[in-house]
Protein backbone atom coordinates (compact mmCIF):
# COMPACT_ATOMS: atom_id res chain seq x y z
CA MET A 1 -19.99 -10.84 0.64
CA ALA A 2 -21.18 -11.77 -2.83
CA VAL A 3 -19.74 -14.79 -4.60
CA TRP A 4 -17.76 -14.58 -7.80
CA GLN A 5 -19.70 -13.56 -10.90
CA LYS A 6 -20.32 -16.35 -13.38
CA GLU A 7 -18.31 -16.08 -16.56
CA LYS A 8 -18.66 -17.49 -20.04
CA SER A 9 -16.03 -20.11 -20.79
CA GLU A 10 -14.92 -18.26 -23.93
CA ASN A 11 -13.93 -15.23 -21.85
CA THR A 12 -11.76 -17.41 -19.65
CA VAL A 13 -10.15 -18.97 -22.73
CA ILE A 14 -9.42 -15.51 -24.14
CA LYS A 15 -7.67 -14.49 -20.91
CA VAL A 16 -5.54 -17.64 -20.92
CA ILE A 17 -4.56 -17.14 -24.58
CA LEU A 18 -3.73 -13.48 -23.98
CA PHE A 19 -1.63 -14.40 -20.97
CA LEU A 20 0.33 -16.92 -23.02
CA VAL A 21 0.99 -14.14 -25.54
CA SER A 22 1.76 -11.41 -23.01
CA PRO A 23 0.95 -11.07 -19.27
CA ILE A 24 0.31 -7.35 -19.79
CA LEU A 25 -2.39 -7.96 -22.43
CA ALA A 26 -4.17 -10.46 -20.17
CA PHE A 27 -3.93 -8.05 -17.23
CA LEU A 28 -5.49 -5.17 -19.20
CA PHE A 29 -8.24 -7.40 -20.58
CA SER A 30 -9.06 -8.68 -17.08
CA LEU A 31 -9.72 -5.17 -15.75
CA ARG A 32 -13.08 -5.14 -17.51
CA THR A 33 -14.31 -8.25 -15.63
CA LEU A 34 -12.97 -7.81 -12.12
CA LYS A 35 -15.90 -9.59 -10.51
CA THR A 36 -14.69 -12.95 -11.87
CA ARG A 37 -12.31 -15.42 -10.27
CA SER A 38 -10.33 -15.81 -13.51
CA SER A 39 -9.53 -12.09 -13.62
CA PHE A 40 -8.13 -12.22 -10.10
CA PHE A 41 -6.05 -15.25 -11.05
CA ILE A 42 -4.67 -13.45 -14.12
CA ILE A 43 -3.84 -10.34 -12.06
CA PHE A 44 -2.08 -12.53 -9.50
CA LEU A 45 0.01 -14.21 -12.20
CA PHE A 46 0.79 -10.83 -13.77
CA SER A 47 2.03 -9.63 -10.38
CA VAL A 48 4.24 -12.69 -9.99
CA PHE A 49 5.84 -12.12 -13.39
CA PHE A 50 6.25 -8.41 -12.62
CA GLY A 51 8.21 -9.43 -9.53
CA LEU A 52 10.31 -11.83 -11.59
CA ALA A 53 11.07 -9.11 -14.16
CA PHE A 54 11.77 -6.39 -11.55
CA THR A 55 15.23 -5.12 -12.53
CA VAL A 56 17.45 -2.81 -10.49
CA SER A 57 21.15 -2.12 -10.02
CA SER A 58 23.02 -3.49 -7.02
CA GLY A 59 23.26 -0.70 -4.47
CA LYS A 60 22.18 2.90 -4.88
CA GLN A 61 24.35 4.51 -7.55
CA SER A 62 22.91 8.05 -7.29
CA ASP A 63 20.37 10.16 -5.42
CA ASP A 64 17.57 9.02 -7.73
CA SER A 65 18.23 5.31 -7.21
CA ILE A 66 15.28 3.43 -5.80
CA ASP A 67 14.92 1.30 -2.67
CA GLY A 68 14.97 -1.92 -4.67
CA SER A 69 18.65 -1.36 -5.44
CA SER A 70 19.47 -1.43 -1.74
CA TYR A 71 17.41 -4.58 -1.23
CA ARG A 72 19.24 -6.30 -4.08
CA GLU A 73 22.61 -5.34 -2.59
CA LYS A 74 21.60 -6.62 0.85
CA PHE A 75 20.28 -9.85 -0.67
CA GLU A 76 23.59 -10.48 -2.46
CA HIS A 77 25.38 -10.24 0.89
CA TYR A 78 23.03 -12.76 2.48
CA LYS A 79 24.86 -15.71 0.96
CA PHE A 80 27.60 -14.95 3.50
CA VAL A 81 25.18 -14.97 6.46
CA THR A 82 25.32 -18.19 8.45
CA ASP A 83 22.30 -19.91 9.95
CA SER A 84 23.42 -19.06 13.48
CA LYS A 85 23.85 -15.37 12.66
CA PHE A 86 20.40 -15.20 11.03
CA TYR A 87 18.63 -16.82 13.98
CA LYS A 88 20.60 -14.71 16.45
CA GLY A 89 19.39 -11.63 14.57
CA PHE A 90 15.81 -12.88 14.79
CA LEU A 91 16.07 -13.28 18.56
CA GLU A 92 17.47 -9.73 18.79
CA TYR A 93 14.51 -8.51 16.74
CA LEU A 94 12.14 -10.07 19.27
CA THR A 95 13.76 -8.08 22.11
CA PHE A 96 12.71 -4.72 20.49
CA GLU A 97 15.58 -2.82 22.13
CA LYS A 98 18.35 -3.81 19.71
CA GLY A 99 18.76 -5.33 16.30
CA LYS A 100 16.38 -4.79 13.40
CA GLN A 101 12.98 -3.10 13.51
CA ASP A 102 11.39 -5.92 11.47
CA TYR A 103 12.44 -9.22 9.93
CA TYR A 104 10.34 -9.94 6.83
CA PHE A 105 12.92 -8.87 4.26
CA ASP A 106 15.69 -10.65 6.15
CA THR A 107 13.67 -13.87 6.33
CA VAL A 108 12.90 -13.95 2.60
CA ALA A 109 16.42 -12.87 1.62
CA PHE A 110 18.00 -15.49 3.88
CA TYR A 111 15.96 -18.46 2.68
CA VAL A 112 16.07 -17.51 -1.01
CA SER A 113 19.85 -17.04 -0.77
CA ARG A 114 20.16 -20.65 0.43
CA PHE A 115 19.40 -21.97 -3.06
CA THR A 116 20.02 -19.12 -5.52
CA SER A 117 21.91 -15.85 -5.96
CA ASN A 118 19.32 -14.61 -8.49
CA TYR A 119 17.71 -11.52 -6.96
CA HIS A 120 14.78 -11.81 -9.40
CA ILE A 121 13.59 -14.82 -7.39
CA MET A 122 13.55 -12.72 -4.23
CA PHE A 123 11.40 -10.03 -5.81
CA MET A 124 9.09 -12.70 -7.22
CA VAL A 125 8.53 -14.03 -3.69
CA PHE A 126 7.87 -10.47 -2.53
CA ALA A 127 5.31 -10.09 -5.33
CA ILE A 128 3.51 -13.32 -4.37
CA VAL A 129 2.95 -12.22 -0.77
CA PHE A 130 2.13 -8.62 -1.77
CA ALA A 131 -0.39 -9.65 -4.45
CA PHE A 132 -2.06 -12.22 -2.20
CA PHE A 133 -3.08 -9.66 0.42
CA ALA A 134 -3.78 -6.92 -2.15
CA LEU A 135 -6.23 -9.16 -4.01
CA LYS A 136 -7.82 -10.44 -0.80
CA SER A 137 -8.53 -6.78 0.01
CA LEU A 138 -9.67 -5.94 -3.52
CA LYS A 139 -12.32 -8.65 -3.40
CA PHE A 140 -14.16 -6.59 -0.76
CA PHE A 141 -14.33 -3.73 -3.24
CA VAL A 142 -15.33 -5.43 -6.48
CA ALA A 143 -17.82 -7.78 -4.79
CA GLU A 144 -20.04 -4.82 -3.92
CA LYS A 145 -23.24 -4.54 -5.96
CA ASN A 146 -22.41 -0.91 -6.80
CA TYR A 147 -19.18 -1.89 -8.55
CA SER A 148 -19.43 -1.84 -12.34
CA THR A 149 -17.29 -1.21 -15.40
CA SER A 150 -17.60 2.56 -15.38
CA LEU A 151 -15.40 5.65 -15.17
CA ALA A 152 -16.47 6.35 -11.58
CA CYS A 153 -15.59 2.82 -10.49
CA PHE A 154 -12.22 2.89 -12.26
CA ILE A 155 -11.38 6.13 -10.44
CA LEU A 156 -12.35 4.51 -7.15
CA LEU A 157 -10.45 1.38 -8.18
CA TYR A 158 -7.31 3.48 -8.65
CA LEU A 159 -7.75 4.99 -5.18
CA PHE A 160 -8.35 1.57 -3.64
CA MET A 161 -5.27 0.12 -5.33
CA ILE A 162 -3.02 3.14 -4.78
CA ASN A 163 -0.55 0.70 -3.21
CA GLN A 164 0.40 -0.93 -6.50
CA ILE A 165 2.61 -3.91 -7.34
CA PHE A 166 5.53 -1.57 -8.08
CA ASN A 167 5.79 -1.10 -4.32
CA ILE A 168 7.62 -4.39 -3.91
CA ASN A 169 10.41 -1.87 -4.53
CA GLY A 170 9.98 -0.77 -0.89
CA VAL A 171 8.63 -4.14 0.09
CA ARG A 172 8.53 -3.96 3.88
CA PHE A 173 6.12 -1.09 4.55
CA TRP A 174 3.89 -1.68 1.54
CA THR A 175 3.39 -5.40 2.10
CA ALA A 176 2.54 -4.62 5.72
CA ALA A 177 0.09 -2.02 4.40
CA TRP A 178 -1.97 -4.59 2.50
CA VAL A 179 -1.93 -6.98 5.45
CA GLY A 180 -3.13 -4.07 7.57
CA VAL A 181 -5.87 -2.96 5.14
CA TYR A 182 -7.17 -6.51 4.80
CA SER A 183 -7.27 -6.85 8.59
CA ILE A 184 -9.15 -3.54 8.94
CA LEU A 185 -11.74 -4.52 6.33
CA GLN A 186 -12.35 -7.75 8.21
CA ILE A 187 -12.40 -6.22 11.70
CA PHE A 188 -14.41 -3.04 11.06
CA GLY A 189 -16.26 -4.08 7.89
CA ASN A 190 -17.17 -7.69 8.63
CA GLY A 191 -16.94 -7.60 12.43
CA LYS A 192 -14.45 -10.50 12.47
CA TYR A 193 -12.28 -9.64 15.44
CA LYS A 194 -10.05 -12.69 15.09
CA TYR A 195 -8.23 -10.65 12.41
CA PHE A 196 -6.59 -8.68 15.20
CA LEU A 197 -4.24 -11.68 15.25
CA LEU A 198 -3.33 -11.07 11.60
CA LEU A 199 -2.88 -7.37 12.36
CA LEU A 200 -0.33 -8.31 15.02
CA LEU A 201 1.86 -9.75 12.26
CA THR A 202 2.26 -6.39 10.49
CA PRO A 203 5.28 -5.24 12.58
CA PHE A 204 7.11 -8.37 11.37
CA PHE A 205 6.91 -6.79 7.89
CA HIS A 206 7.69 -3.23 9.04
CA GLY A 207 8.36 -1.90 12.53
CA ALA A 208 6.29 1.26 12.00
CA PHE A 209 3.13 -0.84 12.14
CA TRP A 210 3.23 -0.93 15.91
CA VAL A 211 1.87 2.58 15.43
CA PHE A 212 -0.86 1.26 13.14
CA ILE A 213 -1.85 -1.36 15.72
CA GLY A 214 -2.13 1.45 18.27
CA ILE A 215 -4.37 3.42 15.90
CA THR A 216 -6.57 0.36 15.39
CA VAL A 217 -6.92 -0.30 19.13
CA VAL A 218 -7.88 3.35 19.74
CA ALA A 219 -10.39 3.18 16.87
CA TYR A 220 -11.89 -0.04 18.22
CA PHE A 221 -12.47 1.28 21.72
CA GLY A 222 -13.46 4.74 20.46
CA LYS A 223 -15.76 3.61 17.65
CA ASN A 224 -18.76 5.37 19.22
CA LEU A 225 -16.97 8.71 19.70
CA ASN A 226 -17.38 10.07 16.19
CA LYS A 227 -18.15 13.59 17.39
CA VAL A 228 -14.84 13.72 19.24
CA TRP A 229 -12.89 12.35 16.26
CA THR A 230 -14.64 14.81 13.96
CA VAL A 231 -13.47 17.78 16.03
CA LEU A 232 -9.95 16.35 16.20
CA PHE A 233 -10.01 15.76 12.44
CA PHE A 234 -10.52 19.47 11.71
CA VAL A 235 -7.97 20.49 14.33
CA SER A 236 -5.39 18.04 13.00
CA PHE A 237 -5.78 19.32 9.46
CA LEU A 238 -5.18 22.91 10.58
CA VAL A 239 -2.06 22.17 12.64
CA SER A 240 -0.54 19.47 10.41
CA ASN A 241 2.24 21.70 9.08
CA VAL A 242 3.87 22.27 12.48
CA SER A 243 4.05 18.62 13.51
CA LEU A 244 7.57 17.93 12.18
CA ASP A 245 9.34 20.20 14.67
CA LEU A 246 7.11 18.84 17.45
CA VAL A 247 8.25 15.28 16.74
CA ARG A 248 11.92 16.27 16.44
CA ASP A 249 11.79 18.00 19.83
CA ASN A 250 10.19 15.03 21.60
CA ILE A 251 11.85 12.02 19.95
CA ASN A 252 13.66 10.82 23.08
CA MET A 253 10.44 10.07 24.98
CA PHE A 254 9.80 7.01 22.77
CA PRO A 255 11.30 3.46 22.98
CA THR A 256 14.74 2.93 21.39
CA PHE A 257 13.56 1.13 18.26
CA ILE A 258 11.05 3.92 17.50
CA VAL A 259 13.65 6.63 18.17
CA LYS A 260 16.00 5.18 15.55
CA MET A 261 13.21 5.06 12.99
CA ALA A 262 11.88 8.54 13.82
CA GLU A 263 15.30 10.20 13.61
CA SER A 264 15.81 8.92 10.06
CA TYR A 265 12.24 9.82 9.02
CA THR A 266 12.50 13.40 10.30
CA ASP A 267 15.86 14.19 8.73
CA GLU A 268 15.36 17.30 6.58
CA SER A 269 17.08 15.98 3.43
CA TYR A 270 15.15 12.72 3.72
CA VAL A 271 11.87 14.63 4.00
CA GLN A 272 12.57 16.56 0.81
CA GLN A 273 13.57 13.41 -1.06
CA ARG A 274 10.36 11.63 -0.03
CA GLU A 275 8.19 14.62 -0.91
CA SER A 276 9.62 14.78 -4.43
CA GLY A 277 9.09 11.08 -5.07
CA GLY A 278 12.68 10.79 -6.22
CA THR A 279 12.04 12.94 -9.31
CA GLY A 280 14.15 15.94 -8.35
CA LEU A 281 11.11 18.15 -9.04
CA TYR A 282 10.66 19.06 -5.40
CA TRP A 283 8.44 22.14 -5.67
CA ILE A 284 6.19 20.68 -8.36
CA ALA A 285 5.87 17.49 -6.35
CA ALA A 286 5.22 19.42 -3.15
CA THR A 287 2.45 21.42 -4.83
CA PHE A 288 0.66 18.36 -6.16
CA ASN A 289 1.18 16.47 -2.89
CA PHE A 290 -0.50 19.37 -1.10
CA LEU A 291 -3.42 19.29 -3.55
CA VAL A 292 -3.80 15.53 -3.10
CA ARG A 293 -3.77 15.91 0.68
CA VAL A 294 -6.43 18.63 0.58
CA TYR A 295 -8.52 16.61 -1.88
CA MET A 296 -8.44 13.43 0.23
CA ASN A 297 -9.28 15.39 3.37
CA PHE A 298 -12.17 17.01 1.48
CA LEU A 299 -13.52 13.54 0.65
CA VAL A 300 -13.43 12.73 4.37
CA TYR A 301 -15.22 16.02 5.05
CA LEU A 302 -17.99 14.92 2.66
CA PHE A 303 -18.24 11.69 4.65
CA ILE A 304 -18.60 13.70 7.86
CA LYS A 305 -21.28 15.84 6.20
CA ASN A 306 -23.17 12.66 5.29
CA SER A 307 -22.21 10.69 8.37
CA LYS A 308 -25.76 9.65 9.27
CA GLU A 309 -26.16 7.87 5.93
CA ILE A 310 -22.76 6.16 6.28
CA ILE A 311 -23.34 5.11 9.89
CA ASP A 312 -26.78 3.72 9.05
CA ASN A 313 -25.10 1.27 6.66
CA ALA A 314 -23.72 -1.70 8.62
CA LYS A 315 -20.95 -2.22 6.05
CA THR A 316 -19.43 1.21 6.60
CA LYS A 317 -20.51 2.23 10.12
CA TYR A 318 -17.31 1.25 11.92
CA LEU A 319 -15.03 1.67 8.90
CA PHE A 320 -16.01 5.34 9.02
CA SER A 321 -15.04 5.54 12.71
CA PHE A 322 -11.68 3.89 11.96
CA LEU A 323 -11.09 6.28 9.06
CA LEU A 324 -11.62 9.32 11.29
CA VAL A 325 -9.09 8.07 13.85
CA LEU A 326 -6.57 7.22 11.13
CA MET A 327 -6.94 10.63 9.46
CA VAL A 328 -6.47 12.42 12.79
CA PHE A 329 -3.15 10.61 13.19
CA VAL A 330 -2.21 11.16 9.55
CA ASN A 331 -2.84 14.90 9.66
CA PHE A 332 -0.95 15.39 12.92
CA THR A 333 2.08 13.59 11.43
CA MET A 334 1.73 14.68 7.78
CA ALA A 335 4.94 16.74 7.86
CA ILE A 336 6.83 13.44 8.23
CA PRO A 337 6.37 11.83 4.78
CA SER A 338 7.41 8.36 5.92
CA LEU A 339 4.95 8.44 8.79
CA GLY A 340 1.85 10.54 8.09
CA GLY A 341 2.50 10.58 4.34
CA ARG A 342 2.81 6.82 4.12
CA PHE A 343 -0.02 5.97 6.48
CA MET A 344 -2.31 8.32 4.59
CA LEU A 345 -2.15 5.88 1.68
CA LEU A 346 -3.73 3.25 3.92
CA SER A 347 -6.79 5.48 4.14
CA TYR A 348 -7.32 5.44 0.35
CA PRO A 349 -8.85 1.92 0.15
CA ILE A 350 -11.16 2.72 3.08
CA ILE A 351 -12.24 6.01 1.46
CA ALA A 352 -12.81 4.33 -1.91
CA TYR A 353 -14.88 1.56 -0.33
CA ILE A 354 -17.06 3.91 1.73
CA TRP A 355 -17.64 6.09 -1.36
CA LEU A 356 -18.56 3.09 -3.52
CA VAL A 357 -21.07 1.74 -1.00
CA ASN A 358 -22.74 5.05 -0.10
CA PHE A 359 -22.19 7.64 -2.85
CA LYS A 360 -21.44 5.96 -6.18
CA GLY A 361 -23.89 7.11 -8.85
CA ARG A 362 -25.91 9.09 -6.32
CA LYS A 363 -23.98 12.23 -5.35
CA TYR A 364 -20.73 14.19 -5.70
CA ASP A 365 -19.81 12.75 -9.11
CA ARG A 366 -18.06 15.99 -10.11
CA VAL A 367 -15.84 15.80 -7.03
CA LEU A 368 -14.85 12.25 -7.95
CA TYR A 369 -14.16 13.15 -11.59
CA ALA A 370 -11.70 15.82 -10.44
CA MET A 371 -9.39 13.11 -9.11
CA PRO A 372 -7.43 12.42 -12.35
CA VAL A 373 -6.45 16.10 -12.54
CA ILE A 374 -5.42 16.29 -8.88
CA PHE A 375 -3.41 13.07 -9.21
CA SER A 376 -1.85 13.88 -12.61
CA PHE A 377 1.68 14.30 -11.23
CA SER A 378 1.31 11.03 -9.31
CA PHE A 379 0.42 9.29 -12.59
CA TYR A 380 3.55 10.70 -14.19
CA VAL A 381 5.79 9.59 -11.31
CA GLN A 382 4.30 6.10 -11.29
CA ILE A 383 4.74 5.64 -15.04
CA MET A 384 8.38 6.75 -14.82
CA LEU A 385 9.01 4.32 -11.97
CA TYR A 386 7.48 1.38 -13.83
CA VAL A 387 9.61 2.17 -16.88
CA LYS A 388 12.66 2.35 -14.65
CA VAL A 389 12.37 -1.20 -13.31
CA LEU A 390 11.09 -3.03 -16.39
CA GLU A 391 13.24 -4.00 -19.36
CA PRO A 392 11.62 -3.75 -22.84
CA VAL A 393 11.51 -7.56 -23.02
CA PHE A 394 8.75 -7.60 -20.40
CA TYR A 395 6.32 -5.68 -22.60
CA PHE A 396 6.60 -7.94 -25.64
CA SER A 397 7.37 -11.44 -24.34
CA ASN A 398 5.34 -14.47 -23.35
CA PRO A 399 5.68 -15.97 -19.86
CA LEU A 400 7.81 -18.90 -21.01
CA TYR A 401 10.42 -16.59 -22.48
CA LEU A 402 10.32 -14.40 -19.38
CA LEU A 403 11.03 -17.46 -17.24
CA TYR A 404 13.95 -18.36 -19.48
CA HIS A 405 15.25 -14.80 -19.59
CA TYR A 406 15.17 -14.10 -15.83
CA LEU A 407 15.85 -17.57 -14.44
């Protein structure tokens, strides 16, 4: 992997000055020089201050309340949790059959609650861990020689970073997602199999990642079966809409901790809420979600069509095999938004990376430029969610005032 790009000292000074004026200004300025270490440092600091400024009510007050409200409420109860109860809960987690599905949130909430009742500190800790793995993954992308400051690369950048810092709102799954993506890039991109050990930590963040580990193991041992995965990919896309009833009818064949998770994820009202993104615009959201799903599957189809070129490149040979296995699983479980729908987002960084390495500036530019239209409703939802959790003071204040205001 290429080293950091050298940078003129005056550019670094400008970023520091802008950050001292407003973290947002420094973040936006840094996007134009993502191949530099200083830009990554600024983006990390921006993420930390976003976590500090993350503002939600305590407990869900209505149907459109976000997950962060529940996490704040649970955190505020943690001051009453004794050490013995916390460690007993951790031992129950390790048994798999009872207790919690994962223990990352509980661990952070417990230790932060030992010295403060300020929930902003908890979300800042979440942001630190989230941003660390997100930026470790992003370095793979921007270090490529094909990456440049161009419209095509910014579109691919958006796809790669689809799991944005806002997702500390639903911290468990999305932090696990970046740990998982980073592990996959190392295992299948760099051939560093010791990162299977890091991958094994993902269920600590979210219990659903036992499934992701299973997908990775299958992909590893089936990395030379691309013809089989290709056939299954097309089959899975065609039958994806009937998978919800199939899962509901066969839930009891799984272990207890998976059954509890699956029952909540396949509840009909929960499915509709997830599909609408909490906007209440269910049919509009469903239409655009369908278009996004078709579009992303079409990108994978283009990879299949050009598979020889992708496989001939050592950087993407096995990432392509992993992507096929992941998309087979995603399509078969797509009707369950918190399973197939969520795990599909883990394919976006892999798709963006493979496209950058093999296609960028060479073919299918028109297909890539269609992305902003296909994702237009997603842009709207994301903007509304950012506005929802940030007070006006965040947009116009320097970091010192933000520290004073939130601490």
